[in-house]
Protein backbone atom coordinates (compact mmCIF):
# COMPACT_ATOMS: atom_id res chain seq x y z
CA MET A 1 -66.66 296.75 112.26
CA LEU A 2 -64.84 293.45 111.84
CA ARG A 3 -61.24 293.13 113.06
CA LEU A 4 -59.13 290.52 111.29
CA LEU A 5 -55.57 289.28 111.65
CA ILE A 6 -54.20 288.24 108.25
CA ALA A 7 -51.18 285.94 108.39
CA ASP A 8 -48.95 285.89 105.31
CA GLY A 9 -47.68 282.32 104.92
CA ASN A 10 -44.51 283.18 103.02
CA GLU A 11 -40.97 283.67 104.23
CA ARG A 12 -39.38 287.06 103.56
CA ALA A 13 -37.62 286.04 100.33
CA ALA A 14 -40.80 284.55 98.88
CA ARG A 15 -42.78 287.65 99.89
CA ASP A 16 -40.24 289.81 98.09
CA ARG A 17 -40.59 287.70 94.93
CA HIS A 18 -44.36 287.94 95.18
CA VAL A 19 -44.22 291.72 95.53
CA ALA A 20 -41.87 291.99 92.56
CA ALA A 21 -44.32 289.95 90.45
CA THR A 22 -47.66 291.34 91.64
CA GLY A 23 -46.94 294.64 93.39
CA ARG A 24 -48.09 293.50 96.83
CA THR A 25 -47.80 290.66 99.32
CA SER A 26 -50.31 287.82 99.59
CA ALA A 27 -51.57 289.33 102.85
CA GLU A 28 -52.04 292.73 101.21
CA SER A 29 -54.00 291.10 98.39
CA TYR A 30 -56.22 289.29 100.86
CA ALA A 31 -56.80 292.49 102.82
CA ALA A 32 -57.90 294.25 99.64
CA VAL A 33 -60.41 291.49 98.91
CA VAL A 34 -61.72 291.58 102.49
CA ARG A 35 -62.19 295.35 102.41
CA ASP A 36 -63.97 295.08 99.07
CA LEU A 37 -66.37 292.47 100.43
CA ALA A 38 -66.78 294.04 103.88
CA PRO A 39 -65.94 297.77 103.72
CA GLY A 40 -64.57 299.19 106.95
CA THR A 41 -62.99 295.93 108.12
CA ALA A 42 -59.82 296.59 110.12
CA CYS A 43 -57.02 294.28 108.96
CA ARG A 44 -53.73 293.78 110.75
CA LEU A 45 -51.13 292.00 108.61
CA VAL A 46 -48.45 289.79 110.12
CA SER A 47 -45.72 287.49 108.78
CA PRO A 48 -45.47 284.60 111.25
CA ALA A 49 -42.88 282.77 109.16
CA ASP A 50 -40.33 285.39 110.29
CA ALA A 51 -38.48 284.93 113.57
CA ASP A 52 -38.84 288.66 114.24
CA ALA A 53 -42.54 288.83 113.32
CA ASP A 54 -44.53 291.43 115.24
CA LEU A 55 -47.29 289.12 116.43
CA PRO A 56 -50.02 290.31 118.81
CA ALA A 57 -49.66 289.31 122.45
CA GLY A 58 -53.18 287.84 122.37
CA LEU A 59 -55.95 287.18 119.86
CA GLU A 60 -58.94 288.39 121.85
CA ASP A 61 -58.98 291.71 119.95
CA PHE A 62 -59.68 289.95 116.64
CA ASP A 63 -62.98 288.61 115.34
CA GLY A 64 -61.13 286.11 113.17
CA LEU A 65 -57.96 285.24 111.30
CA ILE A 66 -57.05 284.52 107.69
CA PHE A 67 -54.07 282.46 106.53
CA THR A 68 -52.79 283.04 102.99
CA GLY A 69 -51.02 280.67 100.63
CA SER A 70 -47.29 279.97 100.85
CA THR A 71 -44.37 278.40 99.01
CA LEU A 72 -43.52 276.47 102.20
CA LYS A 73 -44.34 272.82 102.83
CA VAL A 74 -45.64 271.59 106.18
CA SER A 75 -43.47 268.47 105.87
CA GLU A 76 -40.31 270.60 105.95
CA GLY A 77 -40.84 271.24 109.66
CA THR A 78 -38.64 274.33 109.68
CA PRO A 79 -39.01 277.11 112.27
CA ALA A 80 -40.87 279.14 109.62
CA VAL A 81 -43.40 276.31 109.46
CA THR A 82 -43.67 275.59 113.18
CA ARG A 83 -44.25 279.26 114.01
CA GLN A 84 -47.32 279.19 111.77
CA LEU A 85 -48.54 275.91 113.24
CA ASP A 86 -48.23 277.55 116.65
CA LEU A 87 -50.25 280.59 115.57
CA MET A 88 -52.99 278.44 114.04
CA ARG A 89 -53.11 276.27 117.16
CA ALA A 90 -53.30 279.32 119.42
CA ALA A 91 -56.10 280.83 117.33
CA LEU A 92 -58.24 277.70 117.36
CA GLU A 93 -57.63 276.93 121.01
CA ALA A 94 -58.60 280.53 121.82
CA GLY A 95 -61.91 280.00 120.05
CA ARG A 96 -61.15 282.19 117.05
CA PRO A 97 -62.76 281.55 113.64
CA VAL A 98 -60.12 281.08 110.92
CA PHE A 99 -60.27 281.05 107.12
CA GLY A 100 -57.45 279.84 104.92
CA SER A 101 -56.71 278.92 101.36
CA CYS A 102 -54.08 276.46 100.10
CA TRP A 103 -51.30 276.66 102.71
CA GLY A 104 -53.81 277.73 105.35
CA VAL A 105 -55.79 274.52 104.88
CA GLN A 106 -52.66 272.41 105.22
CA VAL A 107 -51.62 274.21 108.42
CA ALA A 108 -55.05 273.87 110.01
CA ALA A 109 -55.35 270.19 109.10
CA THR A 110 -51.91 269.43 110.49
CA VAL A 111 -52.64 271.19 113.78
CA ALA A 112 -55.88 269.23 114.17
CA GLY A 113 -54.31 265.83 113.47
CA GLY A 114 -54.62 265.45 109.70
CA ARG A 115 -51.87 264.93 107.13
CA ALA A 116 -50.68 267.26 104.38
CA ALA A 117 -48.13 266.18 101.77
CA GLU A 118 -47.50 266.08 98.02
CA ASN A 119 -50.65 265.01 96.22
CA PRO A 120 -49.98 261.63 94.54
CA ARG A 121 -52.55 262.50 91.84
CA GLY A 122 -50.44 265.47 90.83
CA PRO A 123 -50.47 269.25 91.16
CA GLU A 124 -52.97 271.83 89.96
CA TYR A 125 -51.51 274.85 88.17
CA GLY A 126 -54.00 277.38 86.86
CA PHE A 127 -57.42 276.08 87.82
CA ALA A 128 -59.00 273.35 89.89
CA ARG A 129 -61.64 271.96 87.55
CA ALA A 130 -65.01 270.34 88.19
CA ILE A 131 -65.08 270.93 91.94
CA THR A 132 -68.24 269.42 93.40
CA ALA A 133 -69.69 269.62 96.87
CA THR A 134 -70.00 266.55 99.05
CA GLU A 135 -73.35 265.72 100.61
CA GLU A 136 -72.36 267.76 103.69
CA GLY A 137 -70.98 270.54 101.55
CA ARG A 138 -74.22 271.06 99.63
CA THR A 139 -75.83 272.68 102.66
CA HIS A 140 -72.75 274.12 104.33
CA PRO A 141 -72.73 277.93 104.69
CA MET A 142 -69.15 278.26 103.39
CA LEU A 143 -70.28 277.01 99.97
CA ALA A 144 -73.60 278.87 99.92
CA GLY A 145 -74.34 280.04 96.39
CA ARG A 146 -71.96 277.67 94.63
CA PRO A 147 -73.46 275.70 91.73
CA ALA A 148 -73.38 271.90 91.41
CA ALA A 149 -69.87 272.09 89.94
CA TRP A 150 -67.41 274.94 89.57
CA ASP A 151 -63.83 275.83 88.69
CA ALA A 152 -61.50 278.01 90.77
CA PRO A 153 -57.97 279.44 90.61
CA ALA A 154 -55.49 276.91 92.01
CA ILE A 155 -51.74 276.57 92.27
CA HIS A 156 -50.36 273.80 94.49
CA SER A 157 -48.53 270.49 94.63
CA ASP A 158 -49.11 269.69 98.32
CA ALA A 159 -52.58 269.21 99.76
CA VAL A 160 -54.47 267.70 102.69
CA LEU A 161 -54.45 263.96 102.02
CA GLU A 162 -55.96 262.80 105.33
CA PRO A 163 -58.50 265.03 107.08
CA PRO A 164 -58.31 265.51 110.85
CA PRO A 165 -60.63 263.46 113.05
CA GLY A 166 -64.13 264.94 112.99
CA ALA A 167 -63.45 267.26 110.04
CA ARG A 168 -66.16 267.79 107.45
CA VAL A 169 -64.93 267.43 103.88
CA LEU A 170 -67.10 269.81 101.87
CA ALA A 171 -65.88 269.51 98.27
CA GLY A 172 -63.47 267.67 96.03
CA ASN A 173 -62.61 267.03 92.41
CA PRO A 174 -60.95 264.22 90.39
CA VAL A 175 -57.46 265.50 91.28
CA LEU A 176 -58.02 266.01 95.00
CA GLY A 177 -60.65 264.62 97.34
CA ILE A 178 -60.34 267.54 99.78
CA GLN A 179 -60.84 270.86 98.01
CA ALA A 180 -62.89 272.43 100.81
CA ILE A 181 -63.12 271.54 104.49
CA GLU A 182 -64.41 272.55 107.90
CA ILE A 183 -62.22 271.75 110.91
CA ARG A 184 -63.18 272.09 114.57
CA HIS A 185 -60.30 272.22 117.03
CA GLY A 186 -60.29 273.49 120.58
CA ALA A 187 -63.01 276.08 120.90
CA GLY A 188 -62.39 277.46 117.40
CA TRP A 189 -63.42 276.58 113.88
CA PHE A 190 -61.71 276.70 110.51
CA TRP A 191 -63.11 277.00 107.01
CA GLY A 192 -60.82 276.64 104.06
CA THR A 193 -60.24 275.76 100.44
CA GLN A 194 -57.26 274.19 98.72
CA TYR A 195 -58.06 276.46 95.78
CA HIS A 196 -57.61 280.24 95.86
CA PRO A 197 -60.91 282.19 95.88
CA GLU A 198 -58.95 285.35 96.72
CA LEU A 199 -56.87 285.48 93.55
CA ASP A 200 -57.58 287.88 90.75
CA LEU A 201 -56.63 286.43 87.40
CA ASP A 202 -53.73 288.79 86.75
CA GLU A 203 -52.27 287.76 90.12
CA LEU A 204 -52.77 284.08 89.26
CA ALA A 205 -50.93 284.69 86.00
CA ALA A 206 -48.02 286.30 87.84
CA MET A 207 -47.80 283.37 90.25
CA LEU A 208 -47.73 280.92 87.34
CA ARG A 209 -44.78 282.79 85.89
CA LEU A 210 -43.02 282.57 89.26
CA CYS A 211 -43.32 278.77 89.33
CA ASP A 212 -42.77 278.14 85.62
CA SER A 213 -40.10 275.48 86.24
CA ALA A 214 -42.52 273.47 88.41
CA VAL A 215 -45.23 273.72 85.74
CA VAL A 216 -42.78 272.42 83.12
CA GLU A 217 -41.58 269.65 85.46
CA ALA A 218 -45.20 268.55 85.96
CA GLY A 219 -45.52 268.11 82.20
CA PHE A 220 -48.13 270.82 81.69
CA ALA A 221 -45.93 272.95 79.43
CA ALA A 222 -42.95 272.28 77.17
CA ASP A 223 -40.83 275.16 78.45
CA PRO A 224 -41.02 278.42 80.45
CA GLY A 225 -42.03 280.30 77.31
CA ALA A 226 -45.15 278.15 77.03
CA VAL A 227 -45.98 278.88 80.68
CA ALA A 228 -45.57 282.60 80.03
CA ALA A 229 -47.86 282.42 77.01
CA TYR A 230 -50.51 280.58 79.04
CA ALA A 231 -50.16 283.10 81.87
CA ASP A 232 -50.61 285.97 79.42
CA GLU A 233 -53.90 284.44 78.28
CA ILE A 234 -55.10 283.98 81.87
CA ALA A 235 -54.32 287.64 82.57
CA GLY A 236 -56.14 288.52 79.35
CA LEU A 237 -59.35 287.09 80.77
CA GLN A 238 -59.58 290.31 82.77
CA GLY A 239 -58.14 292.48 80.03
CA SER A 240 -59.55 295.73 78.72
CA ASP A 241 -60.70 294.21 75.40
CA PRO A 242 -64.06 292.47 76.05
CA GLU A 243 -64.09 290.64 72.72
CA SER A 244 -60.62 289.21 73.27
CA ALA A 245 -61.50 288.24 76.86
CA HIS A 246 -64.67 286.52 75.63
CA ARG A 247 -62.69 284.47 73.10
CA LEU A 248 -60.10 283.52 75.73
CA ALA A 249 -62.83 282.43 78.14
CA TRP A 250 -64.26 280.16 75.43
CA ARG A 251 -60.83 278.77 74.57
CA HIS A 252 -60.05 277.89 78.19
CA GLY A 253 -63.55 276.80 79.18
CA ILE A 254 -63.82 279.49 81.86
CA GLY A 255 -67.23 280.56 83.14
CA PRO A 256 -68.64 283.22 85.47
CA GLU A 257 -67.60 281.39 88.68
CA VAL A 258 -64.03 282.32 87.74
CA LEU A 259 -64.55 285.46 85.70
CA GLU A 260 -66.78 287.40 88.10
CA ALA A 261 -65.02 288.54 91.26
CA GLU A 262 -68.12 288.34 93.45
CA LEU A 263 -68.70 284.72 92.46
CA ARG A 264 -65.02 283.74 92.56
CA ARG A 265 -64.73 285.01 96.15
CA ARG A 266 -67.88 283.35 97.49
CA GLU A 267 -66.20 281.39 100.29
CA ILE A 268 -64.46 284.48 101.66
CA GLY A 269 -67.68 286.48 101.54
CA ASN A 270 -69.53 283.68 103.30
CA PHE A 271 -66.87 283.56 106.02
CA LEU A 272 -67.11 287.30 106.58
CA ASN A 273 -70.89 287.07 106.72
CA GLN A 274 -70.56 284.31 109.31
CA LEU A 275 -68.38 286.56 111.44
CA SER A 276 -70.75 289.50 111.06
CA THR A 277 -73.76 287.49 112.17
CA GLY A 278 -71.89 285.82 115.03
CA ALA A 279 -72.77 282.35 113.75
CA GLY A 280 -70.41 279.39 113.79
């Protein structure tokens, strides 16, 4: 049985907003995905952004860690940020395998000597399109099973702009050169994606509604009502009416790599398989 520590990247107020919108925290959502992919996995959830977080005294009892997304920015350098940098550093230096999406990638890269900041090519709200593996990524086990190009749920403005020394950039797209990465630091290793393989489409829709002002500011929608309408269609991709979902998938150019949960979550499943086999 795998034992994982799942670190929610959000501060308390942001977690509360996420729960109000989706019914559960980001860490709870990740735990549900993990248990679906690897039944019986024991997940302990922590919130390292909080000063009073109940963190474990050591990490030797865990087979690996997962870092979720967050509304925080590494560049802010607040205590909520530094506490998470400290946890990531401790995990890697202790030789733990770590997986992270979005915020998790930025934290790991920063700890290992890379740079995360606002992407000068702009944000991605909804989906990262036309992700393609690099030459190294084509044979990397984290991306096993991915086709030549794929789309994935994404919602971010910051990203890793400079990889850490020795990191392996595994995938990118026209908006961002680092969509997937492997980082080695200390005795540990990190796999991560800037996109969100863990997100179900109804959860992605809820998150878009939460950041509607940012979507409008980026020029992707005329007003919050347009964001809400788009979010409704994204949620409808997993709706109960197959004919309507099929038409929406055609309208938005969405294929099975997004629509099918098993395919959408490939990187997480590959990470869990790596832990189960003891490879790395």
